[in-house]
C-alpha atoms as a PDB file:
ATOM      1  CA  MET A   1     133.765  24.584 299.685  1.00  0.00           C
ATOM      2  CA  ASN A   2     135.709  28.053 297.484  1.00  0.00           C
ATOM      3  CA  ARG A   3     132.558  29.350 295.272  1.00  0.00           C
ATOM      4  CA  VAL A   4     134.201  28.006 292.578  1.00  0.00           C
ATOM      5  CA  LEU A   5     133.399  24.436 293.236  1.00  0.00           C
ATOM      6  CA  GLY A   6     130.278  25.231 294.125  1.00  0.00           C
ATOM      7  CA  PHE A   7     129.359  26.546 290.602  1.00  0.00           C
ATOM      8  CA  VAL A   8     130.842  23.579 289.090  1.00  0.00           C
ATOM      9  CA  LEU A   9     129.020  21.521 290.952  1.00  0.00           C
ATOM     10  CA  VAL A  10     125.696  23.591 290.548  1.00  0.00           C
ATOM     11  CA  ALA A  11     126.429  23.218 286.415  1.00  0.00           C
ATOM     12  CA  ILE A  12     126.531  19.713 287.016  1.00  0.00           C
ATOM     13  CA  ALA A  13     123.198  19.062 288.777  1.00  0.00           C
ATOM     14  CA  LEU A  14     121.497  20.936 286.484  1.00  0.00           C
ATOM     15  CA  ALA A  15     123.044  19.091 283.457  1.00  0.00           C
ATOM     16  CA  ALA A  16     122.007  15.777 284.614  1.00  0.00           C
ATOM     17  CA  SER A  17     118.598  16.684 286.565  1.00  0.00           C
ATOM     18  CA  ALA A  18     114.905  17.658 285.265  1.00  0.00           C
ATOM     19  CA  PRO A  19     114.364  21.204 283.691  1.00  0.00           C
ATOM     20  CA  ARG A  20     114.386  24.041 286.272  1.00  0.00           C
ATOM     21  CA  ALA A  21     115.740  21.869 289.496  1.00  0.00           C
ATOM     22  CA  ALA A  22     118.736  20.298 290.518  1.00  0.00           C
ATOM     23  CA  GLN A  23     119.614  18.627 293.655  1.00  0.00           C
ATOM     24  CA  VAL A  24     123.253  20.287 294.589  1.00  0.00           C
ATOM     25  CA  GLN A  25     124.657  17.823 296.794  1.00  0.00           C
ATOM     26  CA  THR A  26     128.673  18.135 299.179  1.00  0.00           C
ATOM     27  CA  GLU A  27     129.654  16.472 301.991  1.00  0.00           C
ATOM     28  CA  GLU A  28     127.883  19.295 304.168  1.00  0.00           C
ATOM     29  CA  LEU A  29     124.751  19.460 302.453  1.00  0.00           C
ATOM     30  CA  THR A  30     122.221  18.634 300.003  1.00  0.00           C
ATOM     31  CA  ARG A  31     119.407  21.124 298.326  1.00  0.00           C
ATOM     32  CA  LEU A  32     117.322  21.412 296.119  1.00  0.00           C
ATOM     33  CA  VAL A  33     117.484  24.480 294.024  1.00  0.00           C
ATOM     34  CA  SER A  34     115.430  25.854 290.831  1.00  0.00           C
ATOM     35  CA  LEU A  35     117.714  28.536 289.046  1.00  0.00           C
ATOM     36  CA  ARG A  36     116.727  30.318 285.870  1.00  0.00           C
ATOM     37  CA  LEU A  37     119.035  30.855 283.268  1.00  0.00           C
ATOM     38  CA  GLU A  38     119.815  32.937 280.301  1.00  0.00           C
ATOM     39  CA  GLY A  39     122.104  34.514 278.391  1.00  0.00           C
ATOM     40  CA  ASP A  40     125.623  33.390 278.845  1.00  0.00           C
ATOM     41  CA  ALA A  41     124.778  30.966 282.037  1.00  0.00           C
ATOM     42  CA  LEU A  42     122.556  29.001 279.837  1.00  0.00           C
ATOM     43  CA  ARG A  43     124.808  28.977 276.812  1.00  0.00           C
ATOM     44  CA  LEU A  44     127.395  27.345 279.181  1.00  0.00           C
ATOM     45  CA  CYS A  45     125.268  24.978 281.198  1.00  0.00           C
ATOM     46  CA  GLY A  46     122.954  24.404 278.630  1.00  0.00           C
ATOM     47  CA  ALA A  47     124.983  23.203 276.022  1.00  0.00           C
ATOM     48  CA  SER A  48     124.450  19.714 275.236  1.00  0.00           C
ATOM     49  CA  SER A  49     123.093  18.543 272.031  1.00  0.00           C
ATOM     50  CA  PRO A  50     125.356  16.761 269.906  1.00  0.00           C
ATOM     51  CA  ALA A  51     126.802  19.540 267.894  1.00  0.00           C
ATOM     52  CA  ASP A  52     127.329  21.400 270.897  1.00  0.00           C
ATOM     53  CA  LEU A  53     129.140  18.298 271.751  1.00  0.00           C
ATOM     54  CA  ALA A  54     131.209  17.634 268.713  1.00  0.00           C
ATOM     55  CA  ARG A  55     132.367  21.812 269.026  1.00  0.00           C
ATOM     56  CA  ALA A  56     133.246  21.469 272.986  1.00  0.00           C
ATOM     57  CA  GLN A  57     136.007  18.629 271.165  1.00  0.00           C
ATOM     58  CA  ALA A  58     136.727  20.660 268.517  1.00  0.00           C
ATOM     59  CA  LEU A  59     137.873  23.708 270.412  1.00  0.00           C
ATOM     60  CA  LEU A  60     139.598  20.956 272.915  1.00  0.00           C
ATOM     61  CA  GLY A  61     141.512  19.515 269.449  1.00  0.00           C
ATOM     62  CA  ARG A  62     142.520  22.896 268.318  1.00  0.00           C
ATOM     63  CA  GLY A  63     144.265  23.223 271.956  1.00  0.00           C
ATOM     64  CA  VAL A  64     141.757  25.461 273.765  1.00  0.00           C
ATOM     65  CA  ARG A  65     142.503  25.078 277.286  1.00  0.00           C
ATOM     66  CA  PRO A  66     139.784  24.226 280.015  1.00  0.00           C
ATOM     67  CA  GLY A  67     138.830  27.600 281.950  1.00  0.00           C
ATOM     68  CA  GLU A  68     138.626  31.037 280.840  1.00  0.00           C
ATOM     69  CA  GLY A  69     140.126  30.488 277.554  1.00  0.00           C
ATOM     70  CA  PHE A  70     137.276  27.454 276.301  1.00  0.00           C
ATOM     71  CA  THR A  71     134.840  29.882 278.353  1.00  0.00           C
ATOM     72  CA  ARG A  72     135.693  32.972 275.972  1.00  0.00           C
ATOM     73  CA  ALA A  73     135.982  30.649 272.740  1.00  0.00           C
ATOM     74  CA  TRP A  74     132.403  29.223 273.688  1.00  0.00           C
ATOM     75  CA  LEU A  75     130.818  32.467 273.671  1.00  0.00           C
ATOM     76  CA  ALA A  76     132.673  34.274 270.902  1.00  0.00           C
ATOM     77  CA  GLN A  77     130.370  32.266 269.050  1.00  0.00           C
ATOM     78  CA  THR A  78     127.171  29.696 268.987  1.00  0.00           C
ATOM     79  CA  THR A  79     127.168  26.620 267.762  1.00  0.00           C
ATOM     80  CA  ALA A  80     124.786  27.328 265.108  1.00  0.00           C
ATOM     81  CA  GLU A  81     127.831  29.141 263.757  1.00  0.00           C
ATOM     82  CA  TRP A  82     130.459  27.118 264.534  1.00  0.00           C
ATOM     83  CA  LEU A  83     128.107  24.423 262.261  1.00  0.00           C
ATOM     84  CA  ALA A  84     127.755  27.263 259.862  1.00  0.00           C
ATOM     85  CA  GLU A  85     131.405  27.439 259.395  1.00  0.00           C
ATOM     86  CA  GLN A  86     131.770  23.778 259.318  1.00  0.00           C
ATOM     87  CA  GLY A  87     129.553  23.771 256.349  1.00  0.00           C
ATOM     88  CA  VAL A  88     126.422  21.620 258.136  1.00  0.00           C
ATOM     89  CA  ALA A  89     123.088  23.003 257.042  1.00  0.00           C
ATOM     90  CA  THR A  90     120.969  23.665 260.030  1.00  0.00           C
ATOM     91  CA  LEU A  91     116.568  24.611 260.163  1.00  0.00           C
ATOM     92  CA  GLN A  92     115.573  27.278 261.135  1.00  0.00           C
ATOM     93  CA  ALA A  93     112.307  28.055 262.365  1.00  0.00           C
ATOM     94  CA  ALA A  94     109.828  30.061 260.921  1.00  0.00           C
ATOM     95  CA  GLY A  95     109.282  33.079 262.385  1.00  0.00           C
END
């Protein structure tokens, strides 16, 4: 199995599993893995809110192609920044 496919399988398993654990299954093996994501990895794999999905659809609708172009566009801006750009107010936690 190539490394990219392996990463995609892990990302899909993480998106569909309980926090902090994922079952990764291929034809050759099944493993339960625990990954701590932060930074860009968390921004990519942890994006699952309705606003994240709307933003992803908007990027694709603008003609941003899946792959490196999408990844660069996604990481260039946060969903909160995108929502503000769309004129959508967001709540901020008191600090």
